[in-house]
Amino acid sequence: MNIDYQSLEKKIKTNFKDKELLIKSLTHKSYDKENNNEKVEFLGDRVLGLVIAKKLLEIYPNEKEGILDKKFASLVNKKTCLEIAKKLELHKYILRLNPKNKKNVIEDKVLADSCEALIGSIYLDKGLNIVEKIILDLWSNQIKESINTQIDAKTMLQEFSLKKFKKLPIYKVISNTGPRHKPLFKVGVKLVDTKFYIAEGKSKKDAEQNAAIVCLKNTKKI
């Protein structure tokens, strides 16, 4: 199999001293049960977490731990790693055995895991300073988006209710109308000492979020 690893090195803007380490980071266990990327994936997950946590503390020095934790989780989860893997087109470089009678499509989990493994290998080959620069470059758009990420209204209402009343908000579906392909939900939410605040949404989840916003506004918490 002839894979152009140099094109990947150009994308991450670094050249590996140990080319075998780069190849290992992109080798799935189905291809090689012994010399695969599972352990460097484990390492890469921790390196990514360290770099992102440090960056968040720099950006938000006065932010509460709970909000930092939510931003952190959104930046290091498998979904975001998958976005980075697709950005780097990692599917072109991964070594894996193709299951019989299946199209040669690499699963999202394999792509996301390989992204973490690549980070682990960069750390081993280049050290923390270089891998930090590469991660911050690759994650730059996601980090910028985190600046605008707010805690969702349901979470804010839950935290407020638990803090003040030691009880969770109560949600109630009032109605579900409209055709199956275009439903309209009406949901109410109340706290210990409030009436039900009602809002609508195209899904139960959206209606609950909207009801939480109404409740928060009326209790002067947003």
C-alpha atoms as a PDB file:
ATOM      1  CA  MET A   1       0.000   0.000   0.000  1.00  0.00           C
ATOM      2  CA  ASN A   2       1.524   3.305  -1.111  1.00  0.00           C
ATOM      3  CA  ILE A   3       0.460   6.081   1.264  1.00  0.00           C
ATOM      4  CA  ASP A   4       1.748   9.632   0.913  1.00  0.00           C
ATOM      5  CA  TYR A   5       2.504  10.450   4.547  1.00  0.00           C
ATOM      6  CA  GLN A   6       4.455  13.536   3.487  1.00  0.00           C
ATOM      7  CA  SER A   7       1.224  15.228   2.460  1.00  0.00           C
ATOM      8  CA  LEU A   8      -0.093  14.687   6.010  1.00  0.00           C
ATOM      9  CA  GLU A   9       3.110  16.124   7.476  1.00  0.00           C
ATOM     10  CA  LYS A  10       2.548  19.228   5.354  1.00  0.00           C
ATOM     11  CA  LYS A  11      -0.965  19.573   6.732  1.00  0.00           C
ATOM     12  CA  ILE A  12       0.211  19.414  10.347  1.00  0.00           C
ATOM     13  CA  LYS A  13       3.268  21.548   9.503  1.00  0.00           C
ATOM     14  CA  THR A  14       5.858  19.230  10.990  1.00  0.00           C
ATOM     15  CA  ASN A  15       8.145  16.417   9.838  1.00  0.00           C
ATOM     16  CA  PHE A  16       8.478  13.304  11.952  1.00  0.00           C
ATOM     17  CA  LYS A  17      11.954  12.237  12.964  1.00  0.00           C
ATOM     18  CA  ASP A  18      10.575   8.732  13.522  1.00  0.00           C
ATOM     19  CA  LYS A  19       8.435   7.910  10.477  1.00  0.00           C
ATOM     20  CA  GLU A  20       7.473   4.544  11.957  1.00  0.00           C
ATOM     21  CA  LEU A  21       5.842   6.388  14.849  1.00  0.00           C
ATOM     22  CA  LEU A  22       3.710   8.356  12.406  1.00  0.00           C
ATOM     23  CA  ILE A  23       2.660   5.166  10.612  1.00  0.00           C
ATOM     24  CA  LYS A  24       1.904   3.465  13.929  1.00  0.00           C
ATOM     25  CA  SER A  25      -0.423   6.289  14.932  1.00  0.00           C
ATOM     26  CA  LEU A  26      -2.517   5.554  11.845  1.00  0.00           C
ATOM     27  CA  THR A  27      -2.484   1.758  12.082  1.00  0.00           C
ATOM     28  CA  HIS A  28      -5.738   0.205  13.255  1.00  0.00           C
ATOM     29  CA  LYS A  29      -5.691  -2.954  15.371  1.00  0.00           C
ATOM     30  CA  SER A  30      -7.474  -4.845  12.577  1.00  0.00           C
ATOM     31  CA  TYR A  31      -4.367  -4.343  10.429  1.00  0.00           C
ATOM     32  CA  ASP A  32      -1.778  -5.169  13.100  1.00  0.00           C
ATOM     33  CA  LYS A  33      -2.847  -6.641  16.444  1.00  0.00           C
ATOM     34  CA  GLU A  34       0.507  -5.936  18.095  1.00  0.00           C
ATOM     35  CA  ASN A  35       1.894  -2.736  16.575  1.00  0.00           C
ATOM     36  CA  ASN A  36      -1.152  -0.468  16.350  1.00  0.00           C
ATOM     37  CA  ASN A  37      -2.296   2.945  17.549  1.00  0.00           C
ATOM     38  CA  GLU A  38      -4.271   2.024  20.688  1.00  0.00           C
ATOM     39  CA  LYS A  39      -1.603   3.067  23.205  1.00  0.00           C
ATOM     40  CA  VAL A  40      -0.649   6.309  21.459  1.00  0.00           C
ATOM     41  CA  GLU A  41      -4.374   7.099  21.229  1.00  0.00           C
ATOM     42  CA  PHE A  42      -4.550   6.752  25.029  1.00  0.00           C
ATOM     43  CA  LEU A  43      -1.613   9.143  25.314  1.00  0.00           C
ATOM     44  CA  GLY A  44      -2.966  11.574  22.725  1.00  0.00           C
ATOM     45  CA  ASP A  45      -6.271  11.888  24.565  1.00  0.00           C
ATOM     46  CA  ARG A  46      -4.398  13.052  27.687  1.00  0.00           C
ATOM     47  CA  VAL A  47      -2.095  15.413  25.775  1.00  0.00           C
ATOM     48  CA  LEU A  48      -5.067  16.991  23.998  1.00  0.00           C
ATOM     49  CA  GLY A  49      -6.845  17.449  27.326  1.00  0.00           C
ATOM     50  CA  LEU A  50      -3.816  19.132  28.896  1.00  0.00           C
ATOM     51  CA  VAL A  51      -3.312  21.562  26.009  1.00  0.00           C
ATOM     52  CA  ILE A  52      -6.999  22.513  25.741  1.00  0.00           C
ATOM     53  CA  ALA A  53      -7.423  22.894  29.518  1.00  0.00           C
ATOM     54  CA  LYS A  54      -4.395  25.199  29.665  1.00  0.00           C
ATOM     55  CA  LYS A  55      -5.699  27.288  26.747  1.00  0.00           C
ATOM     56  CA  LEU A  56      -9.141  27.667  28.311  1.00  0.00           C
ATOM     57  CA  LEU A  57      -7.599  28.930  31.546  1.00  0.00           C
ATOM     58  CA  GLU A  58      -5.657  31.499  29.530  1.00  0.00           C
ATOM     59  CA  ILE A  59      -8.762  32.660  27.635  1.00  0.00           C
ATOM     60  CA  TYR A  60     -11.142  32.611  30.618  1.00  0.00           C
ATOM     61  CA  PRO A  61      -9.076  33.355  33.756  1.00  0.00           C
ATOM     62  CA  ASN A  62     -12.155  34.470  35.721  1.00  0.00           C
ATOM     63  CA  GLU A  63     -14.670  31.914  34.468  1.00  0.00           C
ATOM     64  CA  LYS A  64     -16.371  29.427  36.781  1.00  0.00           C
ATOM     65  CA  GLU A  65     -15.125  25.843  36.777  1.00  0.00           C
ATOM     66  CA  GLY A  66     -18.504  24.496  35.672  1.00  0.00           C
ATOM     67  CA  ILE A  67     -18.547  26.613  32.512  1.00  0.00           C
ATOM     68  CA  LEU A  68     -14.897  25.792  31.775  1.00  0.00           C
ATOM     69  CA  ASP A  69     -15.716  22.112  32.122  1.00  0.00           C
ATOM     70  CA  LYS A  70     -18.529  22.346  29.570  1.00  0.00           C
ATOM     71  CA  LYS A  71     -16.344  24.238  27.093  1.00  0.00           C
ATOM     72  CA  PHE A  72     -13.558  21.702  27.647  1.00  0.00           C
ATOM     73  CA  ALA A  73     -15.878  18.762  27.028  1.00  0.00           C
ATOM     74  CA  SER A  74     -17.088  20.267  23.747  1.00  0.00           C
ATOM     75  CA  LEU A  75     -13.513  20.732  22.514  1.00  0.00           C
ATOM     76  CA  VAL A  76     -12.010  17.331  23.338  1.00  0.00           C
ATOM     77  CA  ASN A  77     -14.915  14.979  22.624  1.00  0.00           C
ATOM     78  CA  LYS A  78     -15.012  12.427  19.816  1.00  0.00           C
ATOM     79  CA  LYS A  79     -17.218  14.651  17.674  1.00  0.00           C
ATOM     80  CA  THR A  80     -14.614  17.423  17.601  1.00  0.00           C
ATOM     81  CA  CYS A  81     -11.770  14.952  17.058  1.00  0.00           C
ATOM     82  CA  LEU A  82     -13.761  13.614  14.111  1.00  0.00           C
ATOM     83  CA  GLU A  83     -14.045  17.144  12.676  1.00  0.00           C
ATOM     84  CA  ILE A  84     -10.263  17.529  12.895  1.00  0.00           C
ATOM     85  CA  ALA A  85      -9.712  14.070  11.387  1.00  0.00           C
ATOM     86  CA  LYS A  86     -11.885  15.000   8.410  1.00  0.00           C
ATOM     87  CA  LYS A  87     -10.082  18.327   8.102  1.00  0.00           C
ATOM     88  CA  LEU A  88      -6.803  16.414   7.819  1.00  0.00           C
ATOM     89  CA  GLU A  89      -8.404  13.773   5.565  1.00  0.00           C
ATOM     90  CA  LEU A  90      -7.048  11.041   7.825  1.00  0.00           C
ATOM     91  CA  HIS A  91      -9.060   8.418   5.943  1.00  0.00           C
ATOM     92  CA  LYS A  92      -6.373   8.608   3.243  1.00  0.00           C
ATOM     93  CA  TYR A  93      -3.642   7.507   5.646  1.00  0.00           C
ATOM     94  CA  ILE A  94      -5.201   4.923   7.978  1.00  0.00           C
ATOM     95  CA  LEU A  95      -4.117   1.279   7.691  1.00  0.00           C
ATOM     96  CA  ARG A  96      -6.952  -1.127   8.435  1.00  0.00           C
ATOM     97  CA  LEU A  97      -8.374  -4.367   7.104  1.00  0.00           C
ATOM     98  CA  ASN A  98     -11.544  -3.905   5.126  1.00  0.00           C
ATOM     99  CA  PRO A  99     -14.348  -6.158   6.451  1.00  0.00           C
ATOM    100  CA  LYS A 100     -15.637  -8.651   3.888  1.00  0.00           C
ATOM    101  CA  ASN A 101     -18.603  -7.586   1.784  1.00  0.00           C
ATOM    102  CA  LYS A 102     -18.378  -4.015   3.042  1.00  0.00           C
ATOM    103  CA  LYS A 103     -17.462  -0.827   1.264  1.00  0.00           C
ATOM    104  CA  ASN A 104     -14.073   0.629   2.130  1.00  0.00           C
ATOM    105  CA  VAL A 105     -15.517   3.272   4.438  1.00  0.00           C
ATOM    106  CA  ILE A 106     -13.670   4.113   7.639  1.00  0.00           C
ATOM    107  CA  GLU A 107     -15.979   4.484  10.623  1.00  0.00           C
ATOM    108  CA  ASP A 108     -16.217   7.806  12.464  1.00  0.00           C
ATOM    109  CA  LYS A 109     -14.883   6.261  15.680  1.00  0.00           C
ATOM    110  CA  VAL A 110     -11.774   4.968  13.906  1.00  0.00           C
ATOM    111  CA  LEU A 111     -11.155   8.443  12.452  1.00  0.00           C
ATOM    112  CA  ALA A 112     -11.615  10.194  15.804  1.00  0.00           C
ATOM    113  CA  ASP A 113      -9.386   7.667  17.595  1.00  0.00           C
ATOM    114  CA  SER A 114      -6.703   8.070  14.928  1.00  0.00           C
ATOM    115  CA  CYS A 115      -6.759  11.828  15.442  1.00  0.00           C
ATOM    116  CA  GLU A 116      -5.955  11.322  19.130  1.00  0.00           C
ATOM    117  CA  ALA A 117      -3.290   8.751  18.246  1.00  0.00           C
ATOM    118  CA  LEU A 118      -1.672  11.205  15.840  1.00  0.00           C
ATOM    119  CA  ILE A 119      -1.490  13.774  18.646  1.00  0.00           C
ATOM    120  CA  GLY A 120       0.116  11.195  20.928  1.00  0.00           C
ATOM    121  CA  SER A 121       2.729  10.376  18.306  1.00  0.00           C
ATOM    122  CA  ILE A 122       3.518  14.037  17.645  1.00  0.00           C
ATOM    123  CA  TYR A 123       4.077  14.474  21.381  1.00  0.00           C
ATOM    124  CA  LEU A 124       6.455  11.500  21.504  1.00  0.00           C
ATOM    125  CA  ASP A 125       8.343  12.634  18.397  1.00  0.00           C
ATOM    126  CA  LYS A 126       8.426  16.403  18.933  1.00  0.00           C
ATOM    127  CA  GLY A 127       7.652  17.140  22.572  1.00  0.00           C
ATOM    128  CA  LEU A 128       5.008  19.212  24.332  1.00  0.00           C
ATOM    129  CA  ASN A 129       5.816  22.658  22.877  1.00  0.00           C
ATOM    130  CA  ILE A 130       5.464  21.523  19.261  1.00  0.00           C
ATOM    131  CA  VAL A 131       2.346  19.401  19.804  1.00  0.00           C
ATOM    132  CA  GLU A 132       0.752  22.300  21.683  1.00  0.00           C
ATOM    133  CA  LYS A 133       1.276  24.614  18.692  1.00  0.00           C
ATOM    134  CA  ILE A 134      -0.140  22.013  16.306  1.00  0.00           C
ATOM    135  CA  ILE A 135      -3.226  21.344  18.453  1.00  0.00           C
ATOM    136  CA  LEU A 136      -3.991  25.050  18.885  1.00  0.00           C
ATOM    137  CA  ASP A 137      -3.618  25.561  15.146  1.00  0.00           C
ATOM    138  CA  LEU A 138      -5.876  22.635  14.232  1.00  0.00           C
ATOM    139  CA  TRP A 139      -8.453  23.512  16.907  1.00  0.00           C
ATOM    140  CA  SER A 140      -8.370  27.285  16.278  1.00  0.00           C
ATOM    141  CA  ASN A 141     -11.892  27.498  14.808  1.00  0.00           C
ATOM    142  CA  GLN A 142     -13.402  25.325  17.519  1.00  0.00           C
ATOM    143  CA  ILE A 143     -11.700  27.394  20.242  1.00  0.00           C
ATOM    144  CA  LYS A 144     -13.042  30.605  18.691  1.00  0.00           C
ATOM    145  CA  GLU A 145     -16.525  29.106  18.654  1.00  0.00           C
ATOM    146  CA  SER A 146     -16.215  28.238  22.347  1.00  0.00           C
ATOM    147  CA  ILE A 147     -16.048  31.959  23.129  1.00  0.00           C
ATOM    148  CA  ASN A 148     -19.663  32.230  22.014  1.00  0.00           C
ATOM    149  CA  THR A 149     -20.777  28.982  23.663  1.00  0.00           C
ATOM    150  CA  GLN A 150     -23.155  29.608  26.507  1.00  0.00           C
ATOM    151  CA  ILE A 151     -24.555  27.149  29.018  1.00  0.00           C
ATOM    152  CA  ASP A 152     -27.930  26.085  27.680  1.00  0.00           C
ATOM    153  CA  ALA A 153     -31.011  27.445  29.413  1.00  0.00           C
ATOM    154  CA  LYS A 154     -32.075  24.089  30.879  1.00  0.00           C
ATOM    155  CA  THR A 155     -28.694  23.660  32.538  1.00  0.00           C
ATOM    156  CA  MET A 156     -28.758  27.215  33.893  1.00  0.00           C
ATOM    157  CA  LEU A 157     -32.254  26.714  35.296  1.00  0.00           C
ATOM    158  CA  GLN A 158     -31.314  23.376  36.819  1.00  0.00           C
ATOM    159  CA  GLU A 159     -28.241  24.830  38.526  1.00  0.00           C
ATOM    160  CA  PHE A 160     -30.242  27.776  39.857  1.00  0.00           C
ATOM    161  CA  SER A 161     -33.068  25.561  41.137  1.00  0.00           C
ATOM    162  CA  LEU A 162     -30.709  23.100  42.851  1.00  0.00           C
ATOM    163  CA  LYS A 163     -28.757  25.913  44.468  1.00  0.00           C
ATOM    164  CA  LYS A 164     -31.821  27.791  45.758  1.00  0.00           C
ATOM    165  CA  PHE A 165     -34.359  25.036  46.403  1.00  0.00           C
ATOM    166  CA  LYS A 166     -32.317  21.810  46.413  1.00  0.00           C
ATOM    167  CA  LYS A 167     -34.833  20.484  43.872  1.00  0.00           C
ATOM    168  CA  LEU A 168     -34.922  20.061  40.096  1.00  0.00           C
ATOM    169  CA  PRO A 169     -37.255  22.091  37.860  1.00  0.00           C
ATOM    170  CA  ILE A 170     -40.488  20.313  36.892  1.00  0.00           C
ATOM    171  CA  TYR A 171     -41.234  20.024  33.157  1.00  0.00           C
ATOM    172  CA  LYS A 172     -44.667  19.154  31.780  1.00  0.00           C
ATOM    173  CA  VAL A 173     -45.741  18.516  28.172  1.00  0.00           C
ATOM    174  CA  ILE A 174     -48.959  20.469  27.748  1.00  0.00           C
ATOM    175  CA  SER A 175     -49.702  19.577  24.143  1.00  0.00           C
ATOM    176  CA  ASN A 176     -48.298  17.991  20.995  1.00  0.00           C
ATOM    177  CA  THR A 177     -50.106  19.207  17.895  1.00  0.00           C
ATOM    178  CA  GLY A 178     -49.560  19.387  14.160  1.00  0.00           C
ATOM    179  CA  PRO A 179     -48.763  16.649  11.601  1.00  0.00           C
ATOM    180  CA  ARG A 180     -46.168  13.972  12.367  1.00  0.00           C
ATOM    181  CA  HIS A 181     -43.605  15.507  10.008  1.00  0.00           C
ATOM    182  CA  LYS A 182     -44.063  18.986  11.507  1.00  0.00           C
ATOM    183  CA  PRO A 183     -45.102  18.718  15.168  1.00  0.00           C
ATOM    184  CA  LEU A 184     -45.478  21.599  17.593  1.00  0.00           C
ATOM    185  CA  PHE A 185     -44.792  20.948  21.262  1.00  0.00           C
ATOM    186  CA  LYS A 186     -46.001  23.127  24.109  1.00  0.00           C
ATOM    187  CA  VAL A 187     -44.107  22.598  27.368  1.00  0.00           C
ATOM    188  CA  GLY A 188     -44.336  24.182  30.795  1.00  0.00           C
ATOM    189  CA  VAL A 189     -41.689  24.386  33.523  1.00  0.00           C
ATOM    190  CA  LYS A 190     -41.956  25.471  37.130  1.00  0.00           C
ATOM    191  CA  LEU A 191     -39.738  25.872  40.179  1.00  0.00           C
ATOM    192  CA  VAL A 192     -40.705  25.375  43.818  1.00  0.00           C
ATOM    193  CA  ASP A 193     -42.318  28.785  44.245  1.00  0.00           C
ATOM    194  CA  THR A 194     -43.390  29.649  40.675  1.00  0.00           C
ATOM    195  CA  LYS A 195     -46.230  29.002  38.280  1.00  0.00           C
ATOM    196  CA  PHE A 196     -45.671  27.026  35.078  1.00  0.00           C
ATOM    197  CA  TYR A 197     -43.876  29.064  32.419  1.00  0.00           C
ATOM    198  CA  ILE A 198     -44.939  27.892  28.973  1.00  0.00           C
ATOM    199  CA  ALA A 199     -43.221  27.929  25.578  1.00  0.00           C
ATOM    200  CA  GLU A 200     -43.427  26.141  22.247  1.00  0.00           C
ATOM    201  CA  GLY A 201     -40.908  24.343  20.046  1.00  0.00           C
ATOM    202  CA  LYS A 202     -40.637  22.063  17.012  1.00  0.00           C
ATOM    203  CA  SER A 203     -39.442  19.272  19.309  1.00  0.00           C
ATOM    204  CA  LYS A 204     -39.909  18.472  22.989  1.00  0.00           C
ATOM    205  CA  LYS A 205     -36.272  19.386  23.587  1.00  0.00           C
ATOM    206  CA  ASP A 206     -36.614  22.778  21.901  1.00  0.00           C
ATOM    207  CA  ALA A 207     -39.829  23.520  23.778  1.00  0.00           C
ATOM    208  CA  GLU A 208     -38.152  22.683  27.093  1.00  0.00           C
ATOM    209  CA  GLN A 209     -35.239  24.990  26.263  1.00  0.00           C
ATOM    210  CA  ASN A 210     -37.620  27.799  25.342  1.00  0.00           C
ATOM    211  CA  ALA A 211     -39.673  27.279  28.502  1.00  0.00           C
ATOM    212  CA  ALA A 212     -36.481  27.377  30.563  1.00  0.00           C
ATOM    213  CA  ILE A 213     -35.548  30.695  28.930  1.00  0.00           C
ATOM    214  CA  VAL A 214     -38.948  32.152  29.802  1.00  0.00           C
ATOM    215  CA  CYS A 215     -38.644  30.913  33.380  1.00  0.00           C
ATOM    216  CA  LEU A 216     -35.143  32.324  33.766  1.00  0.00           C
ATOM    217  CA  LYS A 217     -36.197  35.708  32.419  1.00  0.00           C
ATOM    218  CA  ASN A 218     -39.141  35.848  34.777  1.00  0.00           C
ATOM    219  CA  THR A 219     -37.001  34.899  37.755  1.00  0.00           C
ATOM    220  CA  LYS A 220     -34.469  37.506  36.591  1.00  0.00           C
ATOM    221  CA  LYS A 221     -31.604  35.061  36.201  1.00  0.00           C
ATOM    222  CA  ILE A 222     -30.667  35.963  32.604  1.00  0.00           C
END
